[in-house]
Amino acid sequence: MFLSSNDTTETKLSLKLLIDKRANKVLFAEAGKELVDFLSHVRSLPVGTFIRLLKSQNMVACMDNVYQSLENLNEAYVQPNQHKNFLLKPDMPYVVTSVPPLLPDTSQDPAQRKFYTCANNHRYVIDILNAICPPCKSSMPSEVTFVCRNSDMAGSTTEGGIEKGLATSMVMDDLTITPMSMISGVAMLNKCNVKDFSALEEKMV
């Protein structure tokens, strides 16, 4: 169970595990977008916080698999008006005390705010009507349109995160993430050398 950034909402993660009872091991987990988004965001934490939270060298190595999985993710699985580079090459790290929430951000949508500029076409905007423009010292009364990645008018959803809501992924024990499909599932069973399909069991956790 994880809390959102404002600690007022929470979500429960459900994973479907595929277990080989004969070998007594979990082959992989079937996960929804919440876990995939969370893992994708964790690797964009500042280095100091990242190392402090993941002291195990094995866990640090596994997070490299998360990066590779995100890098290999087909754009068809990415939400409209989003881009993988927002996480692969973030311009600014997240606040060290605030891991991005699993639930959508409940703060005000920037697309619902109003932004203003001056009449002299200077590249300055502000969310206060008639504020003073720094270069020309004139007022800023002209409203401009803010194009937001999660804006409804841009055609994206309000689900939050980067992966589409209907997407389901396979998560391995080394945190390698692969979009779930019949082909990928069969390939993984072959990779795990599963011979007796009657020994397989699904378990929700």
N, C-alpha and C. Protein backbone atom coordinates (compact mmCIF):
# COMPACT_ATOMS: atom_id res chain seq x y z
N MET A 1 0.85 -1.19 0.00
CA MET A 1 0.00 0.00 0.00
C MET A 1 0.88 1.24 0.00
N PHE A 2 0.58 2.18 -0.86
CA PHE A 2 1.37 3.41 -0.97
C PHE A 2 0.46 4.61 -0.79
N LEU A 3 0.98 5.64 -0.13
CA LEU A 3 0.25 6.88 0.04
C LEU A 3 0.58 7.83 -1.09
N SER A 4 -0.36 8.67 -1.46
CA SER A 4 -0.08 9.70 -2.45
C SER A 4 0.71 10.80 -1.79
N SER A 5 1.14 11.80 -2.57
CA SER A 5 2.02 12.84 -2.06
C SER A 5 1.35 13.70 -1.01
N ASN A 6 0.02 13.82 -1.03
CA ASN A 6 -0.64 14.64 -0.03
C ASN A 6 -1.15 13.82 1.14
N ASP A 7 -0.83 12.49 1.15
CA ASP A 7 -1.17 11.59 2.25
C ASP A 7 -2.65 11.53 2.56
N THR A 8 -3.49 11.90 1.62
CA THR A 8 -4.93 11.87 1.87
C THR A 8 -5.60 10.75 1.10
N THR A 9 -4.89 10.18 0.14
CA THR A 9 -5.44 9.09 -0.64
C THR A 9 -4.43 7.96 -0.72
N GLU A 10 -4.91 6.77 -0.95
CA GLU A 10 -4.01 5.64 -1.04
C GLU A 10 -4.55 4.67 -2.07
N THR A 11 -3.66 3.81 -2.54
CA THR A 11 -4.08 2.80 -3.50
C THR A 11 -3.45 1.48 -3.13
N LYS A 12 -4.13 0.40 -3.44
CA LYS A 12 -3.61 -0.93 -3.19
C LYS A 12 -3.19 -1.54 -4.52
N LEU A 13 -1.98 -2.09 -4.52
CA LEU A 13 -1.48 -2.74 -5.72
C LEU A 13 -1.87 -4.21 -5.71
N SER A 14 -2.34 -4.68 -6.83
CA SER A 14 -2.65 -6.10 -6.98
C SER A 14 -1.76 -6.67 -8.08
N LEU A 15 -1.11 -7.77 -7.77
CA LEU A 15 -0.26 -8.45 -8.73
C LEU A 15 -0.76 -9.87 -8.91
N LYS A 16 -0.73 -10.34 -10.14
CA LYS A 16 -1.06 -11.73 -10.42
C LYS A 16 0.26 -12.47 -10.66
N LEU A 17 0.58 -13.37 -9.75
CA LEU A 17 1.82 -14.13 -9.85
C LEU A 17 1.58 -15.45 -10.57
N LEU A 18 2.49 -15.79 -11.47
CA LEU A 18 2.46 -17.11 -12.10
C LEU A 18 3.55 -17.94 -11.43
N ILE A 19 3.13 -19.00 -10.74
CA ILE A 19 4.03 -19.79 -9.90
C ILE A 19 4.21 -21.18 -10.49
N ASP A 20 5.44 -21.61 -10.54
CA ASP A 20 5.76 -22.99 -10.91
C ASP A 20 5.84 -23.79 -9.61
N LYS A 21 4.78 -24.54 -9.29
CA LYS A 21 4.74 -25.27 -8.02
C LYS A 21 5.80 -26.36 -7.96
N ARG A 22 6.11 -26.95 -9.09
CA ARG A 22 7.10 -28.02 -9.09
C ARG A 22 8.49 -27.46 -8.76
N ALA A 23 8.83 -26.32 -9.34
CA ALA A 23 10.13 -25.70 -9.07
C ALA A 23 10.09 -24.79 -7.85
N ASN A 24 8.89 -24.56 -7.32
CA ASN A 24 8.70 -23.71 -6.14
C ASN A 24 9.29 -22.31 -6.36
N LYS A 25 8.90 -21.68 -7.47
CA LYS A 25 9.39 -20.34 -7.74
C LYS A 25 8.34 -19.55 -8.52
N VAL A 26 8.43 -18.23 -8.40
CA VAL A 26 7.57 -17.33 -9.16
C VAL A 26 8.23 -17.06 -10.51
N LEU A 27 7.49 -17.33 -11.58
CA LEU A 27 8.04 -17.12 -12.91
C LEU A 27 8.02 -15.65 -13.29
N PHE A 28 6.89 -15.00 -13.09
CA PHE A 28 6.78 -13.56 -13.32
C PHE A 28 5.50 -13.05 -12.68
N ALA A 29 5.39 -11.74 -12.61
CA ALA A 29 4.19 -11.10 -12.07
C ALA A 29 3.51 -10.32 -13.19
N GLU A 30 2.20 -10.37 -13.19
CA GLU A 30 1.42 -9.58 -14.14
C GLU A 30 0.94 -8.33 -13.41
N ALA A 31 1.33 -7.16 -13.90
CA ALA A 31 1.07 -5.91 -13.19
C ALA A 31 0.39 -4.90 -14.10
N GLY A 32 -0.38 -4.01 -13.49
CA GLY A 32 -1.02 -2.92 -14.21
C GLY A 32 -0.14 -1.70 -14.26
N LYS A 33 -0.68 -0.60 -14.77
CA LYS A 33 0.10 0.61 -15.00
C LYS A 33 0.61 1.25 -13.71
N GLU A 34 -0.09 1.05 -12.57
CA GLU A 34 0.31 1.72 -11.34
C GLU A 34 1.73 1.32 -10.93
N LEU A 35 2.00 0.02 -10.92
CA LEU A 35 3.33 -0.44 -10.52
C LEU A 35 4.38 -0.04 -11.55
N VAL A 36 4.05 -0.15 -12.82
CA VAL A 36 5.01 0.20 -13.87
C VAL A 36 5.35 1.68 -13.81
N ASP A 37 4.33 2.54 -13.61
CA ASP A 37 4.59 3.98 -13.48
C ASP A 37 5.47 4.26 -12.27
N PHE A 38 5.18 3.58 -11.16
CA PHE A 38 5.94 3.80 -9.93
C PHE A 38 7.41 3.43 -10.13
N LEU A 39 7.66 2.26 -10.68
CA LEU A 39 9.04 1.84 -10.91
C LEU A 39 9.76 2.77 -11.88
N SER A 40 9.04 3.24 -12.88
CA SER A 40 9.64 4.16 -13.86
C SER A 40 10.03 5.47 -13.21
N HIS A 41 9.20 5.95 -12.28
CA HIS A 41 9.48 7.23 -11.62
C HIS A 41 10.58 7.10 -10.57
N VAL A 42 10.67 5.95 -9.90
CA VAL A 42 11.66 5.78 -8.85
C VAL A 42 13.07 5.98 -9.38
N ARG A 43 13.33 5.50 -10.60
CA ARG A 43 14.68 5.60 -11.15
C ARG A 43 15.05 7.03 -11.52
N SER A 44 14.09 7.96 -11.50
CA SER A 44 14.42 9.36 -11.80
C SER A 44 14.67 10.17 -10.53
N LEU A 45 14.72 9.51 -9.37
CA LEU A 45 15.06 10.19 -8.13
C LEU A 45 16.51 10.68 -8.18
N PRO A 46 16.85 11.73 -7.39
CA PRO A 46 18.24 12.17 -7.31
C PRO A 46 19.14 11.02 -6.86
N VAL A 47 20.39 11.03 -7.29
CA VAL A 47 21.29 9.91 -7.05
C VAL A 47 21.43 9.59 -5.57
N GLY A 48 21.61 10.61 -4.73
CA GLY A 48 21.78 10.38 -3.30
C GLY A 48 20.59 9.68 -2.69
N THR A 49 19.41 10.14 -3.03
CA THR A 49 18.20 9.52 -2.50
C THR A 49 18.03 8.12 -3.06
N PHE A 50 18.34 7.96 -4.32
CA PHE A 50 18.22 6.66 -4.98
C PHE A 50 19.08 5.62 -4.26
N ILE A 51 20.34 5.97 -3.97
CA ILE A 51 21.24 5.03 -3.32
C ILE A 51 20.81 4.77 -1.88
N ARG A 52 20.32 5.81 -1.21
CA ARG A 52 19.89 5.65 0.19
C ARG A 52 18.69 4.72 0.29
N LEU A 53 17.75 4.84 -0.65
CA LEU A 53 16.56 4.01 -0.62
C LEU A 53 16.84 2.59 -1.09
N LEU A 54 17.79 2.43 -1.98
CA LEU A 54 18.10 1.12 -2.55
C LEU A 54 19.55 0.78 -2.22
N LYS A 55 19.81 0.41 -0.98
CA LYS A 55 21.18 0.16 -0.54
C LYS A 55 21.75 -1.12 -1.14
N SER A 56 20.88 -2.06 -1.47
CA SER A 56 21.35 -3.32 -2.03
C SER A 56 21.89 -3.11 -3.44
N GLN A 57 23.08 -3.63 -3.71
CA GLN A 57 23.66 -3.51 -5.05
C GLN A 57 22.81 -4.23 -6.08
N ASN A 58 22.18 -5.33 -5.67
CA ASN A 58 21.31 -6.06 -6.59
C ASN A 58 20.13 -5.21 -7.01
N MET A 59 19.55 -4.46 -6.05
CA MET A 59 18.41 -3.60 -6.37
C MET A 59 18.82 -2.48 -7.30
N VAL A 60 20.01 -1.90 -7.07
CA VAL A 60 20.50 -0.83 -7.95
C VAL A 60 20.68 -1.36 -9.36
N ALA A 61 21.23 -2.56 -9.47
CA ALA A 61 21.42 -3.17 -10.79
C ALA A 61 20.08 -3.45 -11.45
N CYS A 62 19.09 -3.86 -10.66
CA CYS A 62 17.77 -4.14 -11.22
C CYS A 62 17.12 -2.88 -11.78
N MET A 63 17.39 -1.72 -11.16
CA MET A 63 16.79 -0.49 -11.65
C MET A 63 17.32 -0.12 -13.03
N ASP A 64 18.51 -0.62 -13.37
CA ASP A 64 19.00 -0.43 -14.73
C ASP A 64 18.11 -1.18 -15.72
N ASN A 65 17.57 -2.32 -15.28
CA ASN A 65 16.64 -3.06 -16.13
C ASN A 65 15.35 -2.29 -16.34
N VAL A 66 14.92 -1.55 -15.31
CA VAL A 66 13.74 -0.70 -15.45
C VAL A 66 13.98 0.35 -16.52
N TYR A 67 15.18 0.96 -16.49
CA TYR A 67 15.53 1.97 -17.50
C TYR A 67 15.50 1.36 -18.90
N GLN A 68 16.12 0.20 -19.05
CA GLN A 68 16.16 -0.44 -20.36
C GLN A 68 14.76 -0.82 -20.83
N SER A 69 13.92 -1.27 -19.89
CA SER A 69 12.55 -1.64 -20.25
C SER A 69 11.77 -0.43 -20.73
N LEU A 70 11.95 0.71 -20.03
CA LEU A 70 11.27 1.93 -20.44
C LEU A 70 11.79 2.42 -21.78
N GLU A 71 13.09 2.30 -21.98
CA GLU A 71 13.70 2.73 -23.24
C GLU A 71 13.17 1.89 -24.41
N ASN A 72 12.91 0.61 -24.15
CA ASN A 72 12.43 -0.29 -25.20
C ASN A 72 10.92 -0.29 -25.34
N LEU A 73 10.21 0.41 -24.46
CA LEU A 73 8.75 0.41 -24.49
C LEU A 73 8.24 1.03 -25.79
N ASN A 74 7.39 0.30 -26.47
CA ASN A 74 6.80 0.79 -27.72
C ASN A 74 5.92 2.00 -27.44
N GLU A 75 5.97 3.00 -28.32
CA GLU A 75 5.19 4.22 -28.12
C GLU A 75 3.69 3.94 -28.09
N ALA A 76 3.27 2.80 -28.61
CA ALA A 76 1.85 2.45 -28.61
C ALA A 76 1.32 2.26 -27.19
N TYR A 77 2.23 1.99 -26.24
CA TYR A 77 1.83 1.78 -24.85
C TYR A 77 1.93 3.06 -24.02
N VAL A 78 2.40 4.15 -24.64
CA VAL A 78 2.59 5.41 -23.93
C VAL A 78 1.36 6.28 -24.10
N GLN A 79 0.97 6.97 -23.03
CA GLN A 79 -0.21 7.82 -23.09
C GLN A 79 -0.03 8.93 -24.12
N PRO A 80 -1.13 9.36 -24.76
CA PRO A 80 -1.05 10.46 -25.72
C PRO A 80 -0.47 11.72 -25.08
N ASN A 81 0.33 12.43 -25.84
CA ASN A 81 0.94 13.68 -25.39
C ASN A 81 1.92 13.48 -24.23
N GLN A 82 2.42 12.25 -24.07
CA GLN A 82 3.50 11.95 -23.14
C GLN A 82 4.71 11.51 -23.95
N HIS A 83 5.86 11.48 -23.32
CA HIS A 83 7.05 11.01 -24.01
C HIS A 83 7.96 10.32 -23.00
N LYS A 84 8.59 9.25 -23.43
CA LYS A 84 9.44 8.48 -22.52
C LYS A 84 10.61 9.31 -22.00
N ASN A 85 11.06 10.28 -22.77
CA ASN A 85 12.22 11.07 -22.35
C ASN A 85 11.97 11.90 -21.11
N PHE A 86 10.69 12.13 -20.77
CA PHE A 86 10.40 12.85 -19.53
C PHE A 86 10.95 12.07 -18.33
N LEU A 87 11.02 10.75 -18.45
CA LEU A 87 11.57 9.92 -17.38
C LEU A 87 12.99 9.46 -17.68
N LEU A 88 13.29 9.21 -18.95
CA LEU A 88 14.63 8.76 -19.30
C LEU A 88 15.65 9.87 -19.13
N LYS A 89 15.26 11.09 -19.48
CA LYS A 89 16.17 12.24 -19.39
C LYS A 89 15.44 13.41 -18.74
N PRO A 90 15.11 13.29 -17.45
CA PRO A 90 14.35 14.36 -16.78
C PRO A 90 15.17 15.63 -16.69
N ASP A 91 14.49 16.77 -16.91
CA ASP A 91 15.16 18.06 -16.80
C ASP A 91 15.46 18.43 -15.36
N MET A 92 14.60 17.99 -14.45
CA MET A 92 14.74 18.35 -13.04
C MET A 92 14.38 17.14 -12.19
N PRO A 93 15.21 16.77 -11.22
CA PRO A 93 14.89 15.63 -10.38
C PRO A 93 13.72 15.93 -9.47
N TYR A 94 13.05 14.87 -9.03
CA TYR A 94 11.95 15.03 -8.10
C TYR A 94 12.48 15.40 -6.72
N VAL A 95 11.61 16.02 -5.92
CA VAL A 95 11.98 16.38 -4.55
C VAL A 95 12.34 15.10 -3.81
N VAL A 96 13.44 15.14 -3.07
CA VAL A 96 13.97 13.91 -2.49
C VAL A 96 13.03 13.30 -1.46
N THR A 97 12.16 14.09 -0.86
CA THR A 97 11.27 13.56 0.17
C THR A 97 9.93 13.16 -0.38
N SER A 98 9.76 13.25 -1.69
CA SER A 98 8.44 12.97 -2.27
C SER A 98 8.57 12.05 -3.46
N VAL A 99 8.38 10.75 -3.22
CA VAL A 99 8.35 9.79 -4.32
C VAL A 99 7.07 10.00 -5.10
N PRO A 100 7.11 10.09 -6.43
CA PRO A 100 5.90 10.32 -7.21
C PRO A 100 4.82 9.33 -6.84
N PRO A 101 3.59 9.79 -6.66
CA PRO A 101 2.50 8.94 -6.20
C PRO A 101 2.05 7.95 -7.26
N LEU A 102 1.39 6.89 -6.78
CA LEU A 102 0.81 5.93 -7.70
C LEU A 102 -0.50 6.44 -8.26
N LEU A 103 -1.20 7.27 -7.48
CA LEU A 103 -2.45 7.84 -7.94
C LEU A 103 -2.18 9.11 -8.72
N PRO A 104 -3.11 9.55 -9.58
CA PRO A 104 -2.94 10.81 -10.30
C PRO A 104 -2.80 11.98 -9.34
N ASP A 105 -2.04 12.97 -9.76
CA ASP A 105 -1.88 14.17 -8.95
C ASP A 105 -3.21 14.88 -8.82
N THR A 106 -3.59 15.20 -7.57
CA THR A 106 -4.88 15.85 -7.34
C THR A 106 -4.75 17.36 -7.27
N SER A 107 -3.54 17.89 -7.47
CA SER A 107 -3.38 19.33 -7.47
C SER A 107 -4.02 19.92 -8.71
N GLN A 108 -4.12 21.25 -8.74
CA GLN A 108 -4.81 21.90 -9.85
C GLN A 108 -4.12 21.62 -11.18
N ASP A 109 -4.89 21.26 -12.16
CA ASP A 109 -4.38 21.01 -13.50
C ASP A 109 -3.93 22.33 -14.11
N PRO A 110 -2.65 22.44 -14.56
CA PRO A 110 -2.19 23.69 -15.18
C PRO A 110 -3.05 24.12 -16.35
N ALA A 111 -3.70 23.16 -17.03
CA ALA A 111 -4.54 23.52 -18.16
C ALA A 111 -5.77 24.30 -17.73
N GLN A 112 -6.13 24.23 -16.43
CA GLN A 112 -7.28 24.95 -15.92
C GLN A 112 -6.90 26.33 -15.40
N ARG A 113 -5.61 26.60 -15.28
CA ARG A 113 -5.16 27.92 -14.83
C ARG A 113 -5.06 28.86 -16.03
N LYS A 114 -5.03 30.15 -15.75
CA LYS A 114 -4.90 31.14 -16.81
C LYS A 114 -3.52 31.77 -16.73
N PHE A 115 -2.92 31.94 -17.91
CA PHE A 115 -1.60 32.53 -18.00
C PHE A 115 -1.66 33.75 -18.90
N TYR A 116 -0.80 34.73 -18.60
CA TYR A 116 -0.87 36.02 -19.29
C TYR A 116 0.51 36.46 -19.75
N THR A 117 0.50 37.28 -20.82
CA THR A 117 1.73 37.84 -21.35
C THR A 117 1.47 39.29 -21.73
N CYS A 118 2.53 40.00 -22.11
CA CYS A 118 2.37 41.39 -22.52
C CYS A 118 2.03 41.46 -24.00
N ALA A 119 1.77 42.66 -24.49
CA ALA A 119 1.39 42.84 -25.89
C ALA A 119 2.60 43.00 -26.80
N ASN A 120 3.81 42.96 -26.22
CA ASN A 120 5.02 43.21 -27.01
C ASN A 120 5.75 41.92 -27.41
N ASN A 121 5.06 40.81 -27.24
CA ASN A 121 5.59 39.51 -27.69
C ASN A 121 6.89 39.10 -27.01
N HIS A 122 7.09 39.56 -25.78
CA HIS A 122 8.23 39.05 -25.02
C HIS A 122 7.88 37.65 -24.51
N ARG A 123 8.88 36.81 -24.40
CA ARG A 123 8.62 35.41 -24.04
C ARG A 123 8.57 35.23 -22.52
N TYR A 124 7.64 35.94 -21.92
CA TYR A 124 7.41 35.81 -20.48
C TYR A 124 5.92 35.58 -20.25
N VAL A 125 5.60 34.63 -19.39
CA VAL A 125 4.20 34.40 -19.02
C VAL A 125 4.11 34.32 -17.50
N ILE A 126 2.91 34.62 -17.00
CA ILE A 126 2.68 34.59 -15.55
C ILE A 126 1.21 34.27 -15.32
N ASP A 127 0.90 33.75 -14.15
CA ASP A 127 -0.49 33.39 -13.85
C ASP A 127 -1.20 34.47 -13.04
N ILE A 128 -0.66 35.69 -13.07
CA ILE A 128 -1.28 36.83 -12.39
C ILE A 128 -1.64 37.88 -13.44
N LEU A 129 -2.90 38.24 -13.51
CA LEU A 129 -3.37 39.21 -14.50
C LEU A 129 -2.76 40.58 -14.25
N ASN A 130 -2.29 41.21 -15.34
CA ASN A 130 -1.74 42.57 -15.32
C ASN A 130 -0.47 42.70 -14.47
N ALA A 131 0.27 41.61 -14.34
CA ALA A 131 1.58 41.72 -13.71
C ALA A 131 2.52 42.49 -14.64
N ILE A 132 3.67 42.90 -14.14
CA ILE A 132 4.60 43.71 -14.93
C ILE A 132 5.58 42.80 -15.68
N CYS A 133 5.71 43.05 -16.98
CA CYS A 133 6.65 42.29 -17.81
C CYS A 133 8.07 42.76 -17.52
N PRO A 134 9.01 41.88 -17.19
CA PRO A 134 10.37 42.30 -16.83
C PRO A 134 11.10 43.11 -17.91
N PRO A 135 11.07 42.74 -19.21
CA PRO A 135 11.83 43.51 -20.19
C PRO A 135 11.27 44.89 -20.49
N CYS A 136 9.94 44.97 -20.71
CA CYS A 136 9.36 46.24 -21.18
C CYS A 136 8.60 47.00 -20.10
N LYS A 137 8.43 46.41 -18.94
CA LYS A 137 7.77 47.06 -17.79
C LYS A 137 6.30 47.39 -18.05
N SER A 138 5.72 46.81 -19.10
CA SER A 138 4.30 47.02 -19.35
C SER A 138 3.50 45.91 -18.67
N SER A 139 2.18 46.12 -18.59
CA SER A 139 1.33 45.12 -17.94
C SER A 139 1.19 43.89 -18.84
N MET A 140 0.75 42.79 -18.23
CA MET A 140 0.61 41.53 -18.95
C MET A 140 -0.85 41.08 -18.88
N PRO A 141 -1.70 41.65 -19.79
CA PRO A 141 -3.13 41.35 -19.74
C PRO A 141 -3.60 40.30 -20.74
N SER A 142 -2.71 39.89 -21.66
CA SER A 142 -3.13 39.02 -22.76
C SER A 142 -3.05 37.55 -22.34
N GLU A 143 -4.20 36.88 -22.41
CA GLU A 143 -4.23 35.47 -22.00
C GLU A 143 -3.62 34.58 -23.08
N VAL A 144 -2.82 33.61 -22.65
CA VAL A 144 -2.21 32.65 -23.57
C VAL A 144 -2.66 31.24 -23.17
N THR A 145 -2.55 30.33 -24.12
CA THR A 145 -2.96 28.95 -23.88
C THR A 145 -1.77 28.12 -23.43
N PHE A 146 -1.94 27.44 -22.31
CA PHE A 146 -0.89 26.57 -21.79
C PHE A 146 -1.17 25.14 -22.27
N VAL A 147 -0.23 24.54 -23.02
CA VAL A 147 -0.40 23.18 -23.52
C VAL A 147 0.26 22.23 -22.53
N CYS A 148 -0.56 21.46 -21.84
CA CYS A 148 -0.07 20.58 -20.77
C CYS A 148 -0.04 19.14 -21.24
N ARG A 149 0.92 18.37 -20.75
CA ARG A 149 1.03 16.96 -21.13
C ARG A 149 -0.21 16.17 -20.74
N ASN A 150 -0.86 16.57 -19.64
CA ASN A 150 -2.04 15.84 -19.17
C ASN A 150 -3.32 16.60 -19.45
N SER A 151 -3.25 17.54 -20.38
CA SER A 151 -4.42 18.36 -20.67
C SER A 151 -5.46 17.58 -21.46
N ASP A 152 -6.72 17.75 -21.10
CA ASP A 152 -7.80 17.09 -21.83
C ASP A 152 -7.86 17.58 -23.26
N MET A 153 -7.59 18.88 -23.47
CA MET A 153 -7.73 19.41 -24.82
C MET A 153 -6.58 18.92 -25.70
N ALA A 154 -5.53 18.38 -25.08
CA ALA A 154 -4.45 17.82 -25.87
C ALA A 154 -4.70 16.37 -26.22
N GLY A 155 -5.82 15.84 -25.76
CA GLY A 155 -6.21 14.49 -26.13
C GLY A 155 -5.68 13.42 -25.23
N SER A 156 -5.05 13.78 -24.10
CA SER A 156 -4.54 12.77 -23.20
C SER A 156 -5.55 12.46 -22.13
N THR A 157 -5.25 11.42 -21.35
CA THR A 157 -6.16 11.02 -20.30
C THR A 157 -5.80 11.72 -19.01
N THR A 158 -6.61 11.53 -17.97
CA THR A 158 -6.34 12.09 -16.66
C THR A 158 -5.86 11.01 -15.71
N GLU A 159 -5.34 9.93 -16.24
CA GLU A 159 -4.93 8.81 -15.41
C GLU A 159 -3.63 9.09 -14.68
N GLY A 160 -2.80 9.95 -15.18
CA GLY A 160 -1.49 10.15 -14.60
C GLY A 160 -0.52 9.08 -15.06
N GLY A 161 0.78 9.32 -14.80
CA GLY A 161 1.77 8.34 -15.20
C GLY A 161 2.04 8.39 -16.69
N ILE A 162 2.86 7.44 -17.15
CA ILE A 162 3.25 7.45 -18.56
C ILE A 162 2.61 6.31 -19.34
N GLU A 163 2.32 5.19 -18.69
CA GLU A 163 1.77 4.05 -19.42
C GLU A 163 0.26 4.14 -19.50
N LYS A 164 -0.30 3.65 -20.60
CA LYS A 164 -1.75 3.65 -20.78
C LYS A 164 -2.42 2.75 -19.75
N GLY A 165 -3.65 3.16 -19.36
CA GLY A 165 -4.34 2.48 -18.28
C GLY A 165 -4.68 1.03 -18.57
N LEU A 166 -4.94 0.68 -19.81
CA LEU A 166 -5.34 -0.68 -20.15
C LEU A 166 -4.14 -1.60 -20.34
N ALA A 167 -2.95 -1.05 -20.31
CA ALA A 167 -1.76 -1.85 -20.54
C ALA A 167 -1.48 -2.76 -19.34
N THR A 168 -1.09 -3.99 -19.63
CA THR A 168 -0.68 -4.94 -18.60
C THR A 168 0.73 -5.40 -18.94
N SER A 169 1.57 -5.52 -17.92
CA SER A 169 2.97 -5.84 -18.16
C SER A 169 3.42 -7.04 -17.35
N MET A 170 4.44 -7.72 -17.88
CA MET A 170 5.12 -8.77 -17.14
C MET A 170 6.30 -8.16 -16.41
N VAL A 171 6.41 -8.40 -15.11
CA VAL A 171 7.53 -7.91 -14.31
C VAL A 171 8.30 -9.11 -13.79
N MET A 172 9.59 -9.18 -14.14
CA MET A 172 10.43 -10.29 -13.71
C MET A 172 11.06 -9.98 -12.36
N ASP A 173 11.73 -10.97 -11.77
CA ASP A 173 12.34 -10.77 -10.45
C ASP A 173 13.51 -9.80 -10.50
N ASP A 174 14.07 -9.55 -11.70
CA ASP A 174 15.14 -8.56 -11.83
C ASP A 174 14.60 -7.21 -12.29
N LEU A 175 13.26 -7.04 -12.22
CA LEU A 175 12.55 -5.81 -12.57
C LEU A 175 12.57 -5.50 -14.06
N THR A 176 12.86 -6.48 -14.88
CA THR A 176 12.67 -6.32 -16.31
C THR A 176 11.17 -6.28 -16.60
N ILE A 177 10.74 -5.28 -17.37
CA ILE A 177 9.32 -5.08 -17.64
C ILE A 177 9.07 -5.26 -19.13
N THR A 178 8.07 -6.08 -19.46
CA THR A 178 7.72 -6.36 -20.85
C THR A 178 6.21 -6.28 -21.00
N PRO A 179 5.70 -5.60 -22.03
CA PRO A 179 4.24 -5.59 -22.26
C PRO A 179 3.70 -7.01 -22.35
N MET A 180 2.59 -7.25 -21.67
CA MET A 180 2.00 -8.59 -21.61
C MET A 180 1.30 -8.92 -22.92
N SER A 181 1.59 -10.09 -23.45
CA SER A 181 0.92 -10.59 -24.64
C SER A 181 1.02 -12.10 -24.64
N MET A 182 0.25 -12.74 -25.49
CA MET A 182 0.31 -14.20 -25.59
C MET A 182 1.70 -14.65 -26.00
N ILE A 183 2.29 -13.92 -26.97
CA ILE A 183 3.61 -14.31 -27.48
C ILE A 183 4.68 -14.14 -26.40
N SER A 184 4.66 -13.00 -25.70
CA SER A 184 5.68 -12.78 -24.67
C SER A 184 5.52 -13.76 -23.51
N GLY A 185 4.25 -14.12 -23.19
CA GLY A 185 4.02 -15.08 -22.13
C GLY A 185 4.57 -16.46 -22.47
N VAL A 186 4.31 -16.92 -23.69
CA VAL A 186 4.81 -18.22 -24.13
C VAL A 186 6.34 -18.21 -24.19
N ALA A 187 6.90 -17.10 -24.68
CA ALA A 187 8.35 -16.99 -24.77
C ALA A 187 8.99 -17.06 -23.38
N MET A 188 8.33 -16.44 -22.40
CA MET A 188 8.87 -16.46 -21.04
C MET A 188 8.80 -17.86 -20.45
N LEU A 189 7.71 -18.58 -20.72
CA LEU A 189 7.59 -19.96 -20.23
C LEU A 189 8.68 -20.84 -20.83
N ASN A 190 8.96 -20.63 -22.10
CA ASN A 190 10.04 -21.39 -22.75
C ASN A 190 11.40 -21.03 -22.15
N LYS A 191 11.59 -19.75 -21.86
CA LYS A 191 12.85 -19.30 -21.27
C LYS A 191 13.05 -19.91 -19.89
N CYS A 192 11.94 -20.06 -19.16
CA CYS A 192 12.01 -20.64 -17.81
C CYS A 192 12.02 -22.17 -17.85
N ASN A 193 12.02 -22.72 -19.07
CA ASN A 193 12.09 -24.17 -19.26
C ASN A 193 10.94 -24.90 -18.58
N VAL A 194 9.74 -24.34 -18.71
CA VAL A 194 8.56 -24.96 -18.13
C VAL A 194 8.09 -26.09 -19.04
N LYS A 195 8.02 -27.29 -18.50
CA LYS A 195 7.59 -28.46 -19.27
C LYS A 195 6.19 -28.92 -18.88
N ASP A 196 5.89 -28.82 -17.59
CA ASP A 196 4.61 -29.31 -17.08
C ASP A 196 3.70 -28.13 -16.78
N PHE A 197 2.78 -27.83 -17.69
CA PHE A 197 1.89 -26.69 -17.51
C PHE A 197 0.88 -26.93 -16.39
N SER A 198 0.65 -28.17 -16.03
CA SER A 198 -0.27 -28.46 -14.93
C SER A 198 0.31 -28.04 -13.59
N ALA A 199 1.62 -27.80 -13.55
CA ALA A 199 2.27 -27.37 -12.31
C ALA A 199 2.20 -25.87 -12.12
N LEU A 200 1.64 -25.15 -13.09
CA LEU A 200 1.56 -23.70 -12.99
C LEU A 200 0.32 -23.29 -12.20
N GLU A 201 0.48 -22.25 -11.40
CA GLU A 201 -0.61 -21.76 -10.56
C GLU A 201 -0.60 -20.23 -10.57
N GLU A 202 -1.77 -19.63 -10.68
CA GLU A 202 -1.90 -18.18 -10.59
C GLU A 202 -2.32 -17.81 -9.17
N LYS A 203 -1.73 -16.73 -8.66
CA LYS A 203 -2.05 -16.29 -7.31
C LYS A 203 -2.10 -14.78 -7.27
N MET A 204 -3.17 -14.22 -6.75
CA MET A 204 -3.31 -12.77 -6.60
C MET A 204 -2.74 -12.34 -5.25
N VAL A 205 -1.93 -11.31 -5.26
CA VAL A 205 -1.36 -10.78 -4.02
C VAL A 205 -1.56 -9.27 -3.97
